Amino acid sequence: MDSCYTDAEVAHLVAAFADCSLPRSHWDHRAHLVVALTHLQGVEFEVGLGRLRSGIRRYNAASGRADGYHETLTVFWARVVAAFLAAEGEGRPLGELATVLCARYGNRQALPFTYYSRERLLSKEARRYWLPPQIELERNLEDP
């Protein structure tokens, strides 16, 4: 998928993720963001996060990467996407939201290291459990 999404492309991506037919090579950072967007839109954060967690774990298991799940990164990016939705999500089509979200955060995979030390983020504990950022997340989300 390109950096500009239609509603149909988002629906196709999310359906392929849900039924675990999405090729592993397409499960990149942008796909994670778009899937998070659809899981968090219109629901309470914890409900969407729970769906996102279970979906990622199911997809990873089906694609032979059951050990690939990282709780702290999942929650971190879910919080980023939730903040984006709160600020930008009102009345916009899903494809447009996905396009703007990916334009803003699609090339920022290293963003978590702005809030965490490398040691903390890459720890076994961070993979298994949510570890809060060492620097306040909400305060600096728009910083480049």
N, C-alpha and C. Protein backbone atom coordinates (compact mmCIF):
# COMPACT_ATOMS: atom_id res chain seq x y z
N MET A 1 0.83 -1.20 0.00
CA MET A 1 0.00 0.00 0.00
C MET A 1 0.87 1.25 0.00
N ASP A 2 0.37 2.22 -0.63
CA ASP A 2 1.03 3.52 -0.75
C ASP A 2 0.84 4.31 0.54
N SER A 3 1.38 5.51 0.58
CA SER A 3 1.20 6.35 1.77
C SER A 3 -0.15 7.07 1.77
N CYS A 4 -0.90 6.96 0.69
CA CYS A 4 -2.23 7.55 0.61
C CYS A 4 -3.24 6.39 0.58
N TYR A 5 -4.15 6.36 1.54
CA TYR A 5 -5.07 5.24 1.69
C TYR A 5 -6.49 5.63 1.32
N THR A 6 -7.19 4.69 0.72
CA THR A 6 -8.63 4.82 0.54
C THR A 6 -9.30 4.02 1.65
N ASP A 7 -10.58 4.26 1.86
CA ASP A 7 -11.32 3.47 2.84
C ASP A 7 -11.26 1.99 2.48
N ALA A 8 -11.35 1.67 1.20
CA ALA A 8 -11.32 0.27 0.75
C ALA A 8 -9.96 -0.38 1.03
N GLU A 9 -8.88 0.37 0.84
CA GLU A 9 -7.54 -0.18 1.13
C GLU A 9 -7.37 -0.46 2.62
N VAL A 10 -7.89 0.44 3.44
CA VAL A 10 -7.83 0.22 4.89
C VAL A 10 -8.62 -1.03 5.25
N ALA A 11 -9.82 -1.15 4.71
CA ALA A 11 -10.67 -2.31 4.99
C ALA A 11 -9.99 -3.60 4.55
N HIS A 12 -9.35 -3.59 3.39
CA HIS A 12 -8.65 -4.77 2.88
C HIS A 12 -7.48 -5.15 3.80
N LEU A 13 -6.68 -4.16 4.19
CA LEU A 13 -5.55 -4.40 5.09
C LEU A 13 -6.02 -5.00 6.40
N VAL A 14 -7.04 -4.41 6.99
CA VAL A 14 -7.53 -4.85 8.30
C VAL A 14 -8.13 -6.25 8.20
N ALA A 15 -8.85 -6.53 7.11
CA ALA A 15 -9.44 -7.87 6.92
C ALA A 15 -8.33 -8.92 6.77
N ALA A 16 -7.30 -8.61 6.00
CA ALA A 16 -6.19 -9.55 5.81
C ALA A 16 -5.43 -9.76 7.12
N PHE A 17 -5.29 -8.71 7.90
CA PHE A 17 -4.69 -8.85 9.23
C PHE A 17 -5.55 -9.76 10.10
N ALA A 18 -6.85 -9.50 10.12
CA ALA A 18 -7.78 -10.25 10.99
C ALA A 18 -7.83 -11.73 10.65
N ASP A 19 -7.79 -12.05 9.35
CA ASP A 19 -7.86 -13.48 9.00
C ASP A 19 -6.47 -14.09 8.80
N CYS A 20 -5.45 -13.32 9.16
CA CYS A 20 -4.05 -13.76 9.15
C CYS A 20 -3.54 -14.12 7.76
N SER A 21 -4.17 -13.54 6.72
CA SER A 21 -3.69 -13.77 5.35
C SER A 21 -2.76 -12.65 4.87
N LEU A 22 -2.56 -11.63 5.68
CA LEU A 22 -1.68 -10.53 5.31
C LEU A 22 -0.25 -11.07 5.21
N PRO A 23 0.41 -10.89 4.06
CA PRO A 23 1.79 -11.37 3.96
C PRO A 23 2.67 -10.69 5.02
N ARG A 24 3.55 -11.46 5.58
CA ARG A 24 4.44 -10.95 6.64
C ARG A 24 5.19 -9.70 6.16
N SER A 25 5.54 -9.66 4.88
CA SER A 25 6.28 -8.52 4.34
C SER A 25 5.44 -7.24 4.34
N HIS A 26 4.12 -7.37 4.45
CA HIS A 26 3.25 -6.20 4.50
C HIS A 26 2.92 -5.76 5.93
N TRP A 27 3.36 -6.54 6.91
CA TRP A 27 3.10 -6.21 8.32
C TRP A 27 4.22 -5.31 8.83
N ASP A 28 4.25 -4.10 8.30
CA ASP A 28 5.28 -3.14 8.64
C ASP A 28 4.73 -2.10 9.63
N HIS A 29 5.52 -1.09 9.91
CA HIS A 29 5.12 -0.08 10.89
C HIS A 29 3.83 0.64 10.47
N ARG A 30 3.72 0.99 9.21
CA ARG A 30 2.50 1.66 8.74
C ARG A 30 1.27 0.77 8.90
N ALA A 31 1.42 -0.52 8.59
CA ALA A 31 0.29 -1.44 8.76
C ALA A 31 -0.10 -1.53 10.23
N HIS A 32 0.88 -1.56 11.12
CA HIS A 32 0.59 -1.55 12.55
C HIS A 32 -0.23 -0.32 12.93
N LEU A 33 0.19 0.84 12.41
CA LEU A 33 -0.52 2.08 12.72
C LEU A 33 -1.96 2.05 12.23
N VAL A 34 -2.16 1.60 11.00
CA VAL A 34 -3.50 1.56 10.42
C VAL A 34 -4.38 0.57 11.18
N VAL A 35 -3.85 -0.58 11.52
CA VAL A 35 -4.62 -1.56 12.29
C VAL A 35 -4.96 -0.98 13.66
N ALA A 36 -4.01 -0.33 14.30
CA ALA A 36 -4.28 0.30 15.60
C ALA A 36 -5.38 1.35 15.46
N LEU A 37 -5.31 2.15 14.42
CA LEU A 37 -6.33 3.17 14.17
C LEU A 37 -7.72 2.56 14.13
N THR A 38 -7.87 1.48 13.38
CA THR A 38 -9.20 0.86 13.25
C THR A 38 -9.66 0.17 14.52
N HIS A 39 -8.73 -0.33 15.30
CA HIS A 39 -9.10 -1.00 16.55
C HIS A 39 -9.47 0.00 17.64
N LEU A 40 -8.90 1.20 17.57
CA LEU A 40 -9.12 2.20 18.63
C LEU A 40 -10.24 3.19 18.30
N GLN A 41 -10.58 3.31 17.04
CA GLN A 41 -11.57 4.30 16.64
C GLN A 41 -12.96 3.94 17.18
N GLY A 42 -13.56 4.89 17.88
CA GLY A 42 -14.94 4.76 18.31
C GLY A 42 -15.19 3.86 19.51
N VAL A 43 -14.14 3.43 20.20
CA VAL A 43 -14.30 2.60 21.38
C VAL A 43 -13.44 3.15 22.51
N GLU A 44 -13.74 2.74 23.73
CA GLU A 44 -12.89 3.10 24.87
C GLU A 44 -11.49 2.55 24.63
N PHE A 45 -10.50 3.29 25.09
CA PHE A 45 -9.11 2.93 24.85
C PHE A 45 -8.82 1.49 25.26
N GLU A 46 -9.20 1.10 26.46
CA GLU A 46 -8.86 -0.25 26.94
C GLU A 46 -9.51 -1.34 26.10
N VAL A 47 -10.71 -1.09 25.58
CA VAL A 47 -11.38 -2.07 24.72
C VAL A 47 -10.60 -2.21 23.41
N GLY A 48 -10.28 -1.08 22.79
CA GLY A 48 -9.51 -1.12 21.55
C GLY A 48 -8.13 -1.73 21.74
N LEU A 49 -7.48 -1.38 22.84
CA LEU A 49 -6.16 -1.93 23.13
C LEU A 49 -6.24 -3.44 23.31
N GLY A 50 -7.25 -3.92 24.00
CA GLY A 50 -7.42 -5.36 24.18
C GLY A 50 -7.60 -6.07 22.85
N ARG A 51 -8.39 -5.49 21.97
CA ARG A 51 -8.58 -6.08 20.63
C ARG A 51 -7.29 -6.06 19.83
N LEU A 52 -6.56 -4.95 19.95
CA LEU A 52 -5.29 -4.83 19.24
C LEU A 52 -4.29 -5.87 19.73
N ARG A 53 -4.16 -6.00 21.04
CA ARG A 53 -3.25 -6.99 21.62
C ARG A 53 -3.56 -8.39 21.10
N SER A 54 -4.82 -8.77 21.22
CA SER A 54 -5.18 -10.14 20.82
C SER A 54 -5.00 -10.34 19.33
N GLY A 55 -5.31 -9.32 18.53
CA GLY A 55 -5.12 -9.43 17.09
C GLY A 55 -3.66 -9.59 16.70
N ILE A 56 -2.79 -8.79 17.30
CA ILE A 56 -1.36 -8.90 17.00
C ILE A 56 -0.82 -10.26 17.44
N ARG A 57 -1.20 -10.70 18.60
CA ARG A 57 -0.72 -12.01 19.07
C ARG A 57 -1.20 -13.13 18.15
N ARG A 58 -2.46 -13.07 17.73
CA ARG A 58 -3.02 -14.09 16.82
C ARG A 58 -2.27 -14.05 15.49
N TYR A 59 -2.10 -12.86 14.94
CA TYR A 59 -1.40 -12.73 13.66
C TYR A 59 0.04 -13.24 13.79
N ASN A 60 0.75 -12.83 14.83
CA ASN A 60 2.12 -13.28 15.02
C ASN A 60 2.20 -14.80 15.14
N ALA A 61 1.30 -15.40 15.88
CA ALA A 61 1.30 -16.86 16.03
C ALA A 61 1.05 -17.54 14.68
N ALA A 62 0.11 -17.02 13.92
CA ALA A 62 -0.22 -17.61 12.62
C ALA A 62 0.91 -17.46 11.61
N SER A 63 1.73 -16.43 11.79
CA SER A 63 2.84 -16.21 10.85
C SER A 63 4.18 -16.69 11.40
N GLY A 64 4.13 -17.50 12.44
CA GLY A 64 5.34 -18.12 12.97
C GLY A 64 6.21 -17.22 13.82
N ARG A 65 5.62 -16.14 14.34
CA ARG A 65 6.40 -15.21 15.17
C ARG A 65 5.71 -14.98 16.52
N ALA A 66 5.29 -16.05 17.16
CA ALA A 66 4.56 -15.93 18.42
C ALA A 66 5.34 -15.15 19.46
N ASP A 67 6.66 -15.18 19.37
CA ASP A 67 7.50 -14.45 20.34
C ASP A 67 7.73 -13.00 19.92
N GLY A 68 7.11 -12.54 18.84
CA GLY A 68 7.35 -11.21 18.32
C GLY A 68 6.59 -10.09 19.00
N TYR A 69 5.64 -10.43 19.86
CA TYR A 69 4.81 -9.40 20.50
C TYR A 69 5.62 -8.61 21.54
N HIS A 70 5.40 -7.29 21.56
CA HIS A 70 6.10 -6.40 22.50
C HIS A 70 5.05 -5.51 23.16
N GLU A 71 4.73 -5.77 24.40
CA GLU A 71 3.66 -5.07 25.11
C GLU A 71 3.90 -3.56 25.21
N THR A 72 5.08 -3.16 25.59
CA THR A 72 5.33 -1.73 25.78
C THR A 72 5.22 -0.98 24.45
N LEU A 73 5.75 -1.53 23.38
CA LEU A 73 5.60 -0.87 22.08
C LEU A 73 4.15 -0.83 21.63
N THR A 74 3.42 -1.89 21.86
CA THR A 74 2.01 -1.92 21.48
C THR A 74 1.24 -0.83 22.22
N VAL A 75 1.42 -0.74 23.52
CA VAL A 75 0.70 0.28 24.29
C VAL A 75 1.20 1.68 23.92
N PHE A 76 2.49 1.84 23.75
CA PHE A 76 3.03 3.14 23.37
C PHE A 76 2.36 3.64 22.09
N TRP A 77 2.41 2.82 21.04
CA TRP A 77 1.84 3.25 19.76
C TRP A 77 0.32 3.37 19.83
N ALA A 78 -0.34 2.54 20.63
CA ALA A 78 -1.80 2.69 20.80
C ALA A 78 -2.11 4.04 21.44
N ARG A 79 -1.29 4.46 22.38
CA ARG A 79 -1.49 5.78 23.00
C ARG A 79 -1.26 6.90 22.01
N VAL A 80 -0.26 6.76 21.17
CA VAL A 80 0.00 7.75 20.12
C VAL A 80 -1.21 7.83 19.18
N VAL A 81 -1.70 6.69 18.74
CA VAL A 81 -2.83 6.65 17.82
C VAL A 81 -4.08 7.20 18.50
N ALA A 82 -4.30 6.86 19.75
CA ALA A 82 -5.46 7.39 20.48
C ALA A 82 -5.40 8.90 20.60
N ALA A 83 -4.22 9.44 20.87
CA ALA A 83 -4.06 10.90 20.95
C ALA A 83 -4.32 11.53 19.58
N PHE A 84 -3.85 10.89 18.53
CA PHE A 84 -4.11 11.35 17.17
C PHE A 84 -5.61 11.36 16.89
N LEU A 85 -6.30 10.29 17.23
CA LEU A 85 -7.75 10.21 17.01
C LEU A 85 -8.49 11.30 17.78
N ALA A 86 -8.08 11.53 19.01
CA ALA A 86 -8.73 12.57 19.82
C ALA A 86 -8.57 13.94 19.18
N ALA A 87 -7.42 14.19 18.58
CA ALA A 87 -7.15 15.50 17.99
C ALA A 87 -7.65 15.63 16.55
N GLU A 88 -7.63 14.54 15.79
CA GLU A 88 -7.86 14.62 14.35
C GLU A 88 -9.05 13.80 13.85
N GLY A 89 -9.62 12.93 14.68
CA GLY A 89 -10.53 11.91 14.19
C GLY A 89 -11.95 12.29 13.92
N GLU A 90 -12.39 13.42 14.39
CA GLU A 90 -13.81 13.78 14.29
C GLU A 90 -14.26 13.99 12.85
N GLY A 91 -15.18 13.14 12.39
CA GLY A 91 -15.84 13.33 11.10
C GLY A 91 -15.00 13.12 9.86
N ARG A 92 -13.85 12.51 9.98
CA ARG A 92 -13.00 12.28 8.81
C ARG A 92 -13.12 10.84 8.35
N PRO A 93 -13.10 10.61 7.04
CA PRO A 93 -13.13 9.23 6.53
C PRO A 93 -11.90 8.44 6.99
N LEU A 94 -12.07 7.15 7.13
CA LEU A 94 -11.01 6.29 7.63
C LEU A 94 -9.75 6.34 6.76
N GLY A 95 -9.92 6.32 5.45
CA GLY A 95 -8.76 6.38 4.56
C GLY A 95 -7.97 7.66 4.75
N GLU A 96 -8.67 8.76 4.92
CA GLU A 96 -8.00 10.05 5.15
C GLU A 96 -7.25 10.03 6.49
N LEU A 97 -7.90 9.49 7.52
CA LEU A 97 -7.23 9.39 8.83
C LEU A 97 -5.97 8.53 8.73
N ALA A 98 -6.08 7.40 8.05
CA ALA A 98 -4.92 6.52 7.90
C ALA A 98 -3.80 7.22 7.15
N THR A 99 -4.14 7.98 6.13
CA THR A 99 -3.14 8.71 5.35
C THR A 99 -2.43 9.75 6.21
N VAL A 100 -3.20 10.52 6.96
CA VAL A 100 -2.60 11.56 7.81
C VAL A 100 -1.77 10.93 8.93
N LEU A 101 -2.30 9.89 9.54
CA LEU A 101 -1.57 9.19 10.61
C LEU A 101 -0.23 8.67 10.10
N CYS A 102 -0.25 8.02 8.95
CA CYS A 102 0.99 7.46 8.41
C CYS A 102 1.95 8.54 7.92
N ALA A 103 1.42 9.64 7.44
CA ALA A 103 2.29 10.75 7.06
C ALA A 103 3.01 11.31 8.29
N ARG A 104 2.31 11.35 9.39
CA ARG A 104 2.87 11.91 10.62
C ARG A 104 3.81 10.94 11.34
N TYR A 105 3.44 9.67 11.40
CA TYR A 105 4.19 8.72 12.23
C TYR A 105 4.75 7.51 11.48
N GLY A 106 4.47 7.41 10.19
CA GLY A 106 4.88 6.23 9.44
C GLY A 106 6.38 6.03 9.31
N ASN A 107 7.13 7.10 9.38
CA ASN A 107 8.59 7.00 9.29
C ASN A 107 9.26 7.30 10.62
N ARG A 108 8.51 7.14 11.68
CA ARG A 108 9.05 7.50 13.01
C ARG A 108 9.12 6.29 13.94
N GLN A 109 9.56 5.15 13.41
CA GLN A 109 9.66 3.94 14.22
C GLN A 109 10.52 4.12 15.45
N ALA A 110 11.47 5.03 15.39
CA ALA A 110 12.38 5.26 16.52
C ALA A 110 11.78 6.20 17.58
N LEU A 111 10.58 6.70 17.36
CA LEU A 111 9.97 7.63 18.31
C LEU A 111 9.97 7.12 19.75
N PRO A 112 9.69 5.85 20.01
CA PRO A 112 9.71 5.40 21.42
C PRO A 112 11.02 5.67 22.14
N PHE A 113 12.14 5.70 21.41
CA PHE A 113 13.43 5.95 22.05
C PHE A 113 13.57 7.40 22.52
N THR A 114 12.64 8.26 22.13
CA THR A 114 12.59 9.62 22.65
C THR A 114 12.09 9.60 24.09
N TYR A 115 11.34 8.58 24.44
CA TYR A 115 10.66 8.49 25.74
C TYR A 115 11.23 7.40 26.64
N TYR A 116 12.03 6.51 26.07
CA TYR A 116 12.60 5.38 26.81
C TYR A 116 14.09 5.29 26.55
N SER A 117 14.81 4.79 27.53
CA SER A 117 16.20 4.43 27.26
C SER A 117 16.19 3.15 26.44
N ARG A 118 17.23 2.95 25.68
CA ARG A 118 17.35 1.75 24.86
C ARG A 118 17.28 0.50 25.75
N GLU A 119 17.99 0.55 26.86
CA GLU A 119 18.02 -0.59 27.78
C GLU A 119 16.62 -0.94 28.28
N ARG A 120 15.85 0.05 28.67
CA ARG A 120 14.51 -0.19 29.21
C ARG A 120 13.57 -0.73 28.12
N LEU A 121 13.59 -0.10 26.94
CA LEU A 121 12.66 -0.49 25.89
C LEU A 121 12.98 -1.87 25.32
N LEU A 122 14.23 -2.24 25.29
CA LEU A 122 14.61 -3.53 24.72
C LEU A 122 14.69 -4.65 25.76
N SER A 123 14.25 -4.36 26.97
CA SER A 123 14.31 -5.36 28.04
C SER A 123 13.22 -6.43 27.89
N LYS A 124 13.45 -7.56 28.53
CA LYS A 124 12.44 -8.63 28.55
C LYS A 124 11.15 -8.16 29.23
N GLU A 125 11.32 -7.34 30.26
CA GLU A 125 10.15 -6.82 30.99
C GLU A 125 9.28 -5.97 30.06
N ALA A 126 9.91 -5.14 29.24
CA ALA A 126 9.15 -4.28 28.32
C ALA A 126 8.42 -5.09 27.27
N ARG A 127 8.98 -6.22 26.88
CA ARG A 127 8.30 -7.09 25.91
C ARG A 127 7.06 -7.73 26.55
N ARG A 128 7.15 -8.06 27.79
CA ARG A 128 6.06 -8.79 28.46
C ARG A 128 5.02 -7.90 29.12
N TYR A 129 5.45 -6.73 29.63
CA TYR A 129 4.57 -5.86 30.41
C TYR A 129 4.67 -4.43 29.91
N TRP A 130 3.61 -3.67 30.17
CA TRP A 130 3.64 -2.24 29.87
C TRP A 130 4.56 -1.56 30.87
N LEU A 131 5.58 -0.90 30.38
CA LEU A 131 6.45 -0.07 31.20
C LEU A 131 6.19 1.38 30.81
N PRO A 132 5.80 2.21 31.75
CA PRO A 132 5.54 3.61 31.42
C PRO A 132 6.80 4.30 30.89
N PRO A 133 6.61 5.30 30.05
CA PRO A 133 7.78 6.03 29.52
C PRO A 133 8.55 6.72 30.63
N GLN A 134 9.81 6.91 30.39
CA GLN A 134 10.65 7.64 31.33
C GLN A 134 10.48 9.14 31.16
N ILE A 135 9.99 9.56 30.01
CA ILE A 135 9.66 10.96 29.74
C ILE A 135 8.18 10.99 29.42
N GLU A 136 7.47 11.96 29.91
CA GLU A 136 6.02 12.05 29.74
C GLU A 136 5.64 12.06 28.26
N LEU A 137 4.84 11.08 27.86
CA LEU A 137 4.46 10.90 26.47
C LEU A 137 3.57 12.02 25.95
N GLU A 138 2.50 12.31 26.62
CA GLU A 138 1.52 13.26 26.11
C GLU A 138 2.09 14.66 25.88
N ARG A 139 3.05 15.03 26.68
CA ARG A 139 3.62 16.38 26.60
C ARG A 139 4.37 16.62 25.28
N ASN A 140 4.94 15.59 24.70
CA ASN A 140 5.85 15.79 23.58
C ASN A 140 5.47 15.08 22.29
N LEU A 141 4.24 14.64 22.12
CA LEU A 141 3.89 13.85 20.95
C LEU A 141 4.10 14.58 19.64
N GLU A 142 3.95 15.85 19.60
CA GLU A 142 4.07 16.57 18.33
C GLU A 142 5.50 16.99 18.02
N ASP A 143 6.41 16.75 18.92
CA ASP A 143 7.81 17.11 18.65
C ASP A 143 8.35 16.26 17.51
N PRO A 144 9.16 16.84 16.62
CA PRO A 144 9.73 16.07 15.51
C PRO A 144 10.75 15.06 15.98
